[in-house]
Protein backbone atom coordinates (compact mmCIF):
# COMPACT_ATOMS: atom_id res chain seq x y z
CA MET A 1 -94.54 -111.35 80.93
CA ASP A 2 -97.83 -109.66 82.25
CA ARG A 3 -100.65 -111.17 84.13
CA ARG A 4 -102.63 -112.04 80.95
CA GLU A 5 -99.55 -113.95 79.66
CA PHE A 6 -99.26 -115.58 82.94
CA VAL A 7 -102.73 -116.89 82.49
CA THR A 8 -101.87 -118.26 78.99
CA GLY A 9 -98.67 -119.86 80.21
CA ALA A 10 -100.10 -121.57 83.40
CA GLY A 11 -103.85 -121.83 82.45
CA LEU A 12 -104.85 -120.36 85.82
CA ALA A 13 -108.39 -119.33 86.28
CA LEU A 14 -107.31 -117.67 89.47
CA ALA A 15 -104.88 -115.47 87.78
CA ALA A 16 -107.39 -114.84 84.91
CA GLY A 17 -109.63 -113.20 87.56
CA MET A 18 -106.69 -110.79 88.23
CA ALA A 19 -106.19 -110.07 84.53
CA ARG A 20 -109.92 -109.20 84.31
CA GLY A 21 -109.42 -106.65 87.06
CA GLU A 22 -110.98 -108.61 89.91
CA LYS A 23 -109.91 -107.69 93.38
CA THR A 24 -106.37 -109.16 94.23
CA GLY A 25 -106.43 -111.15 97.46
CA ALA A 26 -110.10 -111.81 97.60
CA ALA A 27 -111.16 -115.04 99.21
CA GLN A 28 -111.18 -117.73 96.40
CA PRO A 29 -113.76 -120.30 95.84
CA THR A 30 -112.75 -123.82 96.82
CA THR A 31 -113.49 -125.28 93.40
CA GLY A 32 -110.48 -125.42 91.38
CA VAL A 33 -108.12 -123.81 93.64
CA ARG A 34 -105.95 -126.97 94.13
CA GLN A 35 -105.98 -127.37 90.29
CA GLU A 36 -104.74 -123.71 90.12
CA TRP A 37 -101.87 -124.55 92.57
CA ILE A 38 -100.94 -127.57 90.42
CA ALA A 39 -101.01 -125.52 87.42
CA MET A 40 -98.52 -123.00 88.93
CA VAL A 41 -96.33 -125.86 90.23
CA GLU A 42 -96.35 -127.36 86.73
CA LYS A 43 -95.40 -124.06 85.15
CA THR A 44 -92.50 -123.43 87.60
CA ALA A 45 -91.21 -126.92 88.37
CA GLY A 46 -91.95 -128.48 84.99
CA PRO A 47 -88.96 -126.81 83.01
CA VAL A 48 -86.55 -127.92 85.71
CA LEU A 49 -87.65 -131.42 86.01
CA THR A 50 -88.21 -131.92 82.32
CA ALA A 51 -84.77 -130.64 81.24
CA LEU A 52 -83.06 -132.75 84.02
CA SER A 53 -84.97 -135.85 82.84
CA GLN A 54 -83.60 -135.29 79.33
CA ARG A 55 -80.01 -134.36 80.59
CA ARG A 56 -80.33 -130.85 79.23
CA LEU A 57 -80.65 -128.54 82.35
CA LYS A 58 -77.08 -127.08 82.09
CA GLN A 59 -77.78 -126.55 78.30
CA VAL A 60 -81.13 -124.69 78.70
CA MET A 61 -81.38 -123.11 81.99
CA PRO A 62 -80.08 -119.41 82.23
CA VAL A 63 -77.70 -118.50 84.91
CA GLU A 64 -78.80 -114.92 85.98
CA CYS A 65 -76.80 -113.56 88.86
CA LYS A 66 -74.73 -110.62 90.01
CA PRO A 67 -72.16 -109.59 87.33
CA GLY A 68 -68.91 -111.35 88.06
CA GLN A 69 -70.45 -114.40 89.80
CA GLU A 70 -71.26 -116.43 86.88
CA GLU A 71 -68.47 -118.91 87.15
CA SER A 72 -68.99 -119.77 90.87
CA ARG A 73 -72.88 -119.81 90.35
CA ARG A 74 -72.50 -122.47 87.58
CA LEU A 75 -70.98 -124.71 90.12
CA CYS A 76 -74.27 -124.71 92.28
CA THR A 77 -77.13 -123.17 90.51
CA TYR A 78 -78.35 -126.45 89.05
CA LEU A 79 -78.32 -128.16 92.36
CA GLU A 80 -80.13 -125.33 93.78
CA ALA A 81 -82.85 -125.74 91.10
CA LEU A 82 -83.11 -129.46 91.75
CA GLY A 83 -82.94 -129.25 95.54
CA ARG A 84 -85.35 -126.51 96.05
CA THR A 85 -87.91 -127.67 93.54
CA LEU A 86 -87.96 -131.25 95.15
CA CYS A 87 -88.13 -129.82 98.55
CA GLY A 88 -91.22 -127.84 97.74
CA ILE A 89 -93.06 -130.45 95.69
CA SER A 90 -92.01 -133.58 97.43
CA PRO A 91 -95.42 -133.89 99.52
CA TRP A 92 -97.32 -133.58 96.24
CA LEU A 93 -95.19 -136.35 94.72
CA GLU A 94 -95.60 -138.62 97.79
CA SER A 95 -99.35 -138.07 97.70
CA GLY A 96 -99.59 -140.32 94.53
CA THR A 97 -101.52 -137.56 92.62
CA SER A 98 -98.71 -135.98 90.63
CA GLY A 99 -98.84 -138.11 87.55
CA LYS A 100 -95.67 -138.09 85.58
CA TYR A 101 -93.79 -135.74 88.05
CA ALA A 102 -92.64 -138.37 90.47
CA GLU A 103 -90.92 -140.37 87.82
CA LEU A 104 -89.45 -137.07 86.33
CA ALA A 105 -88.16 -136.27 89.87
CA ARG A 106 -86.38 -139.58 90.26
CA GLU A 107 -84.93 -139.05 86.86
CA ALA A 108 -83.78 -135.63 87.77
CA ILE A 109 -82.02 -137.05 90.91
CA ALA A 110 -80.29 -139.55 88.69
CA ALA A 111 -79.13 -136.95 86.21
CA GLY A 112 -77.71 -134.83 88.96
CA ALA A 113 -75.98 -137.59 90.97
CA ASN A 114 -74.22 -139.41 88.22
CA SER A 115 -70.79 -138.12 87.28
CA ALA A 116 -71.22 -139.37 83.65
CA SER A 117 -74.22 -137.27 83.09
CA PRO A 118 -74.15 -133.94 81.36
CA ASP A 119 -76.09 -132.49 84.19
CA TYR A 120 -73.77 -133.81 86.88
CA MET A 121 -73.81 -131.67 90.04
CA PRO A 122 -70.58 -131.38 91.84
CA PHE A 123 -71.55 -131.86 95.44
CA GLY A 124 -69.04 -130.34 97.87
CA SER A 125 -67.30 -128.12 95.15
CA ILE A 126 -68.13 -124.98 96.88
CA ALA A 127 -70.02 -124.03 100.13
CA GLN A 128 -73.25 -123.29 98.44
CA THR A 129 -73.62 -126.96 97.48
CA LEU A 130 -74.05 -127.81 101.17
CA VAL A 131 -77.12 -125.61 101.26
CA ASP A 132 -78.81 -127.27 98.35
CA ALA A 133 -77.87 -130.75 99.09
CA ALA A 134 -79.78 -129.95 102.34
CA PHE A 135 -82.80 -128.88 100.44
CA LEU A 136 -82.57 -132.05 98.23
CA GLY A 137 -82.24 -134.08 101.53
CA LEU A 138 -85.26 -132.35 103.07
CA GLY A 139 -87.31 -133.35 99.93
CA ILE A 140 -86.21 -136.90 100.24
CA LEU A 141 -87.27 -136.80 103.90
CA ARG A 142 -90.61 -135.43 102.93
CA ALA A 143 -91.19 -138.13 100.24
CA PRO A 144 -89.82 -141.56 101.70
CA LYS A 145 -91.59 -143.63 99.21
CA GLU A 146 -91.41 -141.63 95.89
CA LEU A 147 -87.90 -140.24 96.36
CA ASN A 148 -86.20 -142.89 98.57
CA GLN A 149 -87.91 -146.36 98.30
CA LYS A 150 -88.45 -145.99 94.55
CA LEU A 151 -85.19 -144.59 93.80
CA PRO A 152 -83.07 -146.96 91.71
CA GLU A 153 -80.24 -148.57 94.03
CA LYS A 154 -77.34 -147.24 91.76
CA THR A 155 -78.94 -143.69 92.02
CA LYS A 156 -79.35 -144.06 95.70
CA GLN A 157 -75.68 -144.99 96.20
CA LEU A 158 -74.51 -142.17 93.97
CA LEU A 159 -76.68 -139.74 95.80
CA ILE A 160 -75.40 -140.89 99.31
CA LYS A 161 -71.73 -140.41 97.95
CA GLY A 162 -72.78 -136.88 96.74
CA LEU A 163 -74.27 -135.86 100.03
CA GLN A 164 -71.32 -137.16 101.85
CA GLN A 165 -69.05 -135.12 99.81
CA THR A 166 -70.58 -131.91 101.07
CA ARG A 167 -68.95 -132.61 104.36
CA THR A 168 -65.82 -131.02 103.07
CA GLN A 169 -67.80 -127.56 103.29
CA LYS A 170 -67.95 -126.60 106.93
CA ALA A 171 -71.03 -124.72 108.00
CA GLY A 172 -70.74 -121.37 109.73
CA MET A 173 -72.30 -120.33 112.91
CA SER A 174 -75.85 -119.54 111.55
CA ASN A 175 -78.80 -121.43 110.01
CA TRP A 176 -76.24 -123.21 107.98
CA LEU A 177 -75.71 -125.65 110.78
CA LEU A 178 -79.08 -126.95 110.08
CA PHE A 179 -78.06 -127.58 106.51
CA ALA A 180 -75.20 -129.89 107.63
CA ALA A 181 -77.51 -131.73 110.00
CA THR A 182 -80.24 -132.30 107.39
CA VAL A 183 -77.70 -133.72 104.99
CA GLU A 184 -76.89 -136.29 107.76
CA ALA A 185 -80.55 -136.99 108.21
CA ALA A 186 -81.04 -137.61 104.60
CA ILE A 187 -77.86 -139.90 104.44
CA GLU A 188 -79.34 -142.02 107.37
CA ALA A 189 -82.73 -142.14 105.57
CA LEU A 190 -81.06 -143.42 102.40
CA GLY A 191 -79.18 -146.12 104.18
CA GLY A 192 -75.69 -144.43 104.32
CA SER A 193 -73.26 -143.93 107.20
CA TRP A 194 -74.15 -140.69 108.94
CA GLU A 195 -72.14 -138.51 111.28
CA LYS A 196 -73.52 -137.40 114.71
CA ALA A 197 -71.41 -134.35 115.46
CA PRO A 198 -73.05 -131.99 112.81
CA VAL A 199 -76.47 -132.85 114.11
CA GLU A 200 -75.40 -132.24 117.85
CA LEU A 201 -73.85 -128.90 116.96
CA ALA A 202 -76.90 -127.63 114.93
CA LEU A 203 -79.37 -128.53 117.68
CA ALA A 204 -77.17 -127.24 120.64
CA LYS A 205 -76.57 -123.91 118.91
CA HIS A 206 -80.21 -123.42 117.94
CA LYS A 207 -81.21 -124.18 121.49
CA GLU A 208 -78.76 -121.39 122.55
CA TRP A 209 -80.04 -119.02 119.88
CA TYR A 210 -83.78 -119.13 120.59
CA LEU A 211 -84.84 -115.49 121.39
CA GLY A 212 -88.40 -116.05 122.29
CA ASP A 213 -92.03 -115.89 120.83
CA GLY A 214 -91.22 -118.34 118.18
CA VAL A 215 -88.09 -116.59 116.93
CA TYR A 216 -84.61 -117.86 116.59
CA GLY A 217 -81.50 -115.71 115.76
CA ASP A 218 -79.53 -116.43 112.67
CA GLY A 219 -76.53 -117.15 114.82
CA PRO A 220 -76.30 -115.36 118.09
CA HIS A 221 -77.96 -112.29 116.84
CA PHE A 222 -81.41 -111.40 115.53
CA HIS A 223 -81.79 -110.63 111.79
CA ALA A 224 -84.87 -109.03 110.51
CA ASP A 225 -85.54 -111.38 107.66
CA TYR A 226 -87.61 -114.51 106.74
CA TYR A 227 -84.95 -117.21 107.61
CA ASP A 228 -87.14 -118.56 110.58
CA SER A 229 -89.31 -119.68 107.79
CA PHE A 230 -86.96 -120.12 104.89
CA VAL A 231 -84.83 -122.54 106.87
CA ILE A 232 -84.77 -122.67 110.64
CA HIS A 233 -88.30 -124.10 111.66
CA PRO A 234 -88.79 -126.38 108.62
CA PHE A 235 -85.31 -127.93 108.71
CA MET A 236 -85.23 -128.21 112.49
CA LEU A 237 -88.64 -129.93 112.70
CA ALA A 238 -87.44 -132.42 109.98
CA VAL A 239 -84.07 -133.16 111.80
CA LEU A 240 -85.86 -133.73 115.16
CA GLU A 241 -88.40 -136.10 113.53
CA SER A 242 -85.58 -138.10 111.95
CA PRO A 243 -83.70 -140.80 113.93
CA VAL A 244 -80.64 -138.69 113.86
CA GLY A 245 -82.41 -136.02 115.83
CA LYS A 246 -82.40 -138.03 119.04
CA VAL A 247 -78.80 -137.00 119.90
CA GLY A 248 -77.66 -134.24 122.23
CA VAL A 249 -80.42 -131.76 123.07
CA GLY A 250 -82.78 -133.32 120.52
CA PRO A 251 -85.12 -134.98 122.95
CA GLU A 252 -85.48 -131.62 124.70
CA LEU A 253 -86.17 -129.56 121.51
CA VAL A 254 -88.70 -132.17 120.49
CA GLU A 255 -90.89 -130.93 123.35
CA VAL A 256 -90.84 -127.25 122.53
CA GLU A 257 -89.84 -126.85 118.86
CA PRO A 258 -93.34 -127.79 117.45
CA LYS A 259 -94.91 -125.23 119.67
CA ARG A 260 -92.50 -122.53 118.66
CA ALA A 261 -93.06 -123.40 115.08
CA ILE A 262 -96.95 -123.14 115.60
CA ARG A 263 -96.37 -119.71 117.11
CA TYR A 264 -94.11 -118.51 114.27
CA ALA A 265 -96.86 -119.89 111.91
CA ALA A 266 -99.32 -117.42 113.60
CA ILE A 267 -96.93 -114.58 113.08
CA GLN A 268 -96.61 -115.50 109.41
CA GLU A 269 -100.25 -115.75 108.81
CA ARG A 270 -100.47 -112.03 110.12
CA MET A 271 -97.60 -111.00 107.80
CA ILE A 272 -99.76 -111.49 104.67
CA ALA A 273 -101.45 -108.31 103.86
CA ARG A 274 -105.00 -108.18 102.53
CA ASP A 275 -103.75 -107.87 98.88
CA GLY A 276 -101.30 -110.87 99.38
CA THR A 277 -98.18 -108.77 99.74
CA TRP A 278 -95.88 -108.86 102.61
CA PRO A 279 -93.10 -106.68 104.13
CA VAL A 280 -89.98 -106.29 101.99
CA VAL A 281 -87.55 -106.84 104.79
CA GLY A 282 -84.32 -108.59 104.94
CA ARG A 283 -82.11 -110.62 102.43
CA SER A 284 -83.15 -113.32 100.05
CA ILE A 285 -86.43 -111.51 99.38
CA ALA A 286 -86.20 -112.82 95.78
CA TYR A 287 -87.32 -116.21 97.06
CA ARG A 288 -90.78 -114.79 96.53
CA CYS A 289 -93.67 -116.67 98.33
CA GLY A 290 -91.15 -119.03 99.57
CA ALA A 291 -90.98 -116.75 102.62
CA PHE A 292 -94.00 -118.78 103.81
CA HIS A 293 -92.23 -122.12 103.92
CA LEU A 294 -93.08 -122.50 107.58
CA LEU A 295 -96.66 -121.48 107.28
CA ALA A 296 -97.10 -123.99 104.44
CA ASP A 297 -95.44 -126.71 106.39
CA MET A 298 -97.59 -126.28 109.35
CA ALA A 299 -100.61 -126.33 106.97
CA LEU A 300 -99.29 -129.58 105.60
CA ARG A 301 -98.82 -131.06 109.04
CA GLN A 302 -102.45 -129.85 110.02
CA GLN A 303 -100.79 -128.07 113.02
CA LEU A 304 -101.96 -124.56 112.56
CA PRO A 305 -102.33 -122.11 115.41
CA GLU A 306 -105.49 -121.87 117.44
CA HIS A 307 -108.04 -119.52 115.83
CA VAL A 308 -106.37 -120.02 112.37
CA VAL A 309 -108.48 -122.34 110.23
CA PRO A 310 -107.01 -124.07 107.14
CA ALA A 311 -109.24 -122.20 104.64
CA GLN A 312 -107.78 -118.79 105.67
CA VAL A 313 -104.16 -120.07 105.23
CA ARG A 314 -105.26 -121.47 101.89
CA GLY A 315 -106.47 -118.00 100.91
CA ALA A 316 -103.51 -116.14 102.25
CA LEU A 317 -101.07 -118.36 100.45
CA THR A 318 -102.88 -118.19 97.20
CA ALA A 319 -102.84 -114.48 97.50
CA ALA A 320 -99.07 -114.50 98.20
CA MET A 321 -98.60 -116.70 95.19
CA GLN A 322 -100.64 -114.29 92.99
CA ALA A 323 -98.77 -111.20 94.22
CA SER A 324 -95.30 -112.75 93.50
CA LEU A 325 -95.56 -115.37 90.73
CA GLY A 326 -98.25 -113.49 88.94
CA ALA A 327 -96.38 -110.36 88.46
CA ARG A 328 -95.23 -109.11 85.10
CA GLY A 329 -91.68 -110.51 84.35
CA THR A 330 -91.43 -113.35 86.96
CA TYR A 331 -90.69 -115.82 84.18
CA ASP A 332 -88.55 -115.19 81.07
CA SER A 333 -89.61 -115.90 77.53
CA ASN A 334 -88.66 -119.58 78.10
CA GLY A 335 -90.46 -120.01 81.35
CA TRP A 336 -87.57 -119.80 83.69
CA LEU A 337 -87.77 -117.79 86.85
CA THR A 338 -86.18 -114.41 86.98
CA ILE A 339 -84.61 -112.56 90.03
CA GLY A 340 -87.19 -110.34 91.76
CA LEU A 341 -90.14 -110.45 94.22
CA ALA A 342 -92.85 -108.88 92.08
CA GLY A 343 -91.47 -109.29 88.52
CA HIS A 344 -87.99 -108.95 87.23
CA GLN A 345 -86.02 -106.85 89.79
CA PRO A 346 -82.38 -107.95 89.58
CA SER A 347 -81.18 -105.40 92.10
CA LEU A 348 -83.00 -107.40 94.71
CA GLY A 349 -80.77 -110.41 94.18
CA GLU A 350 -77.78 -111.17 96.45
CA PRO A 351 -74.37 -112.31 95.40
CA TYR A 352 -75.24 -115.79 96.24
CA ILE A 353 -78.53 -115.75 94.42
CA SER A 354 -78.76 -117.05 90.89
CA THR A 355 -81.67 -118.62 88.74
CA GLY A 356 -81.58 -121.97 90.53
CA SER A 357 -81.93 -120.22 93.96
CA LEU A 358 -85.33 -118.82 93.05
CA TYR A 359 -87.02 -122.13 93.04
CA LEU A 360 -87.34 -121.84 96.82
CA CYS A 361 -90.70 -120.13 95.95
CA LEU A 362 -92.17 -123.72 95.45
CA GLU A 363 -91.77 -124.37 99.22
CA ALA A 364 -95.14 -122.42 99.61
CA PHE A 365 -96.83 -125.26 97.77
CA LEU A 366 -96.26 -127.94 100.46
CA PRO A 367 -100.03 -128.33 101.31
CA LEU A 368 -100.48 -130.11 97.86
CA GLY A 369 -99.61 -133.06 99.93
CA LEU A 370 -102.91 -133.02 101.58
CA PRO A 371 -105.68 -135.00 100.00
CA ALA A 372 -108.28 -133.10 97.92
CA ASP A 373 -110.83 -133.83 100.64
CA ALA A 374 -108.87 -132.28 103.53
CA PRO A 375 -110.28 -129.22 105.15
CA PHE A 376 -107.52 -127.24 103.75
CA TRP A 377 -108.98 -127.74 100.19
CA LYS A 378 -112.68 -128.52 100.80
CA ASP A 379 -113.79 -125.86 103.45
CA ALA A 380 -115.48 -122.81 102.39
CA PRO A 381 -113.25 -119.68 101.76
CA ALA A 382 -112.29 -117.81 104.77
CA ASP A 383 -110.42 -114.48 104.89
CA TRP A 384 -107.03 -114.21 106.62
CA THR A 385 -106.42 -112.05 109.60
CA ALA A 386 -105.29 -108.82 107.71
CA ARG A 387 -108.42 -108.96 105.53
CA ARG A 388 -110.61 -109.47 108.47
CA VAL A 389 -109.17 -106.65 110.55
CA TRP A 390 -108.86 -104.10 107.79
CA ALA A 391 -112.46 -104.93 106.80
CA GLY A 392 -113.51 -103.79 110.31
CA GLN A 393 -114.06 -107.08 112.03
CA ASP A 394 -113.52 -107.23 115.79
CA LEU A 395 -110.79 -109.91 116.33
CA PRO A 396 -108.90 -110.88 119.52
CA ASN A 397 -105.53 -109.16 119.93
CA ASP A 398 -102.21 -110.80 119.36
CA HIS A 399 -99.83 -111.38 122.07
CA ALA A 400 -96.19 -112.79 122.39
CA VAL A 401 -96.20 -116.51 123.54
CA ASP A 402 -93.39 -117.60 126.16
CA ILE A 403 -92.21 -120.95 124.96
């Protein structure tokens, strides 16, 4: 699907400008940008939630993955699609402006949690289900009204049971510890019986693994990838804000982690080039604009770095969405995401990546939880750092921050 087809499918005036040859990455006018983001969300999340609400996801969603991985991926790819979708759009659902999508989301959870459903998701069956139970849990934490209070009691109890079943999968010494902790935070929020040990271990190890300048190791060693944004900062912030985050070194991390997240958001804003692209470094690059999960989270929280205004983050994220979701081949002929960063590039997939994994791209859309009159949406366009520097503007230098 080329960019002109992307316009037809999503109805995006923003991408239409790209198809007409307008300069990619240019600062966008404020009028309509929020609606354009919503159109992208509807195009991407719509097929997942609609199919689940009809109990047809396993019937209609393809399972693209590395050859030979099909059987194992079918045990987790549907939970991936549900968890990662809701994790990204939950603030929009919680805002009360999403129309039918909040109810579709609750129906989707019911479809996945009920063993009698054709779309039942076998929580705990393989290790990957721990990951995506955590993404689903983070979505619930981000939407306490729409995805918790309004969830039917039967569905809530089935979901608690499913989340608890993932305890059979032990997290390795990596960012996965935060998945186990987030599952416990979600169980607590839903009213279930949670366990303290996974939370204590996750927080203690991440305190140990902090490397400086807003960066954590993925385990004891540094990895050049986007996992500080995909997982570590957003999940740790959510756990620390939850009642379960008060255990162990939690109170100590509460004092420093928000500052570290702000610093890493500053780094992320500088990673987005003037055309909306970013360095193709590290694993899981097929999560596309989900690489900026943390930057989007800090924009939603209205806790951006000093000298970074909301409008420049809006412009940078919009350009990143254009560069990845607007590329030829991003969606198949039925509207499902394909493996790739800028189109269909299956070699960029990992053995653990399948169709459902790709919906982590929606984590870039967290600012849709902000009201339409928030500065993020209403302020005049502002270029982001890369555009300003490469246009010849004289800006202050960047320096490491000791936190």
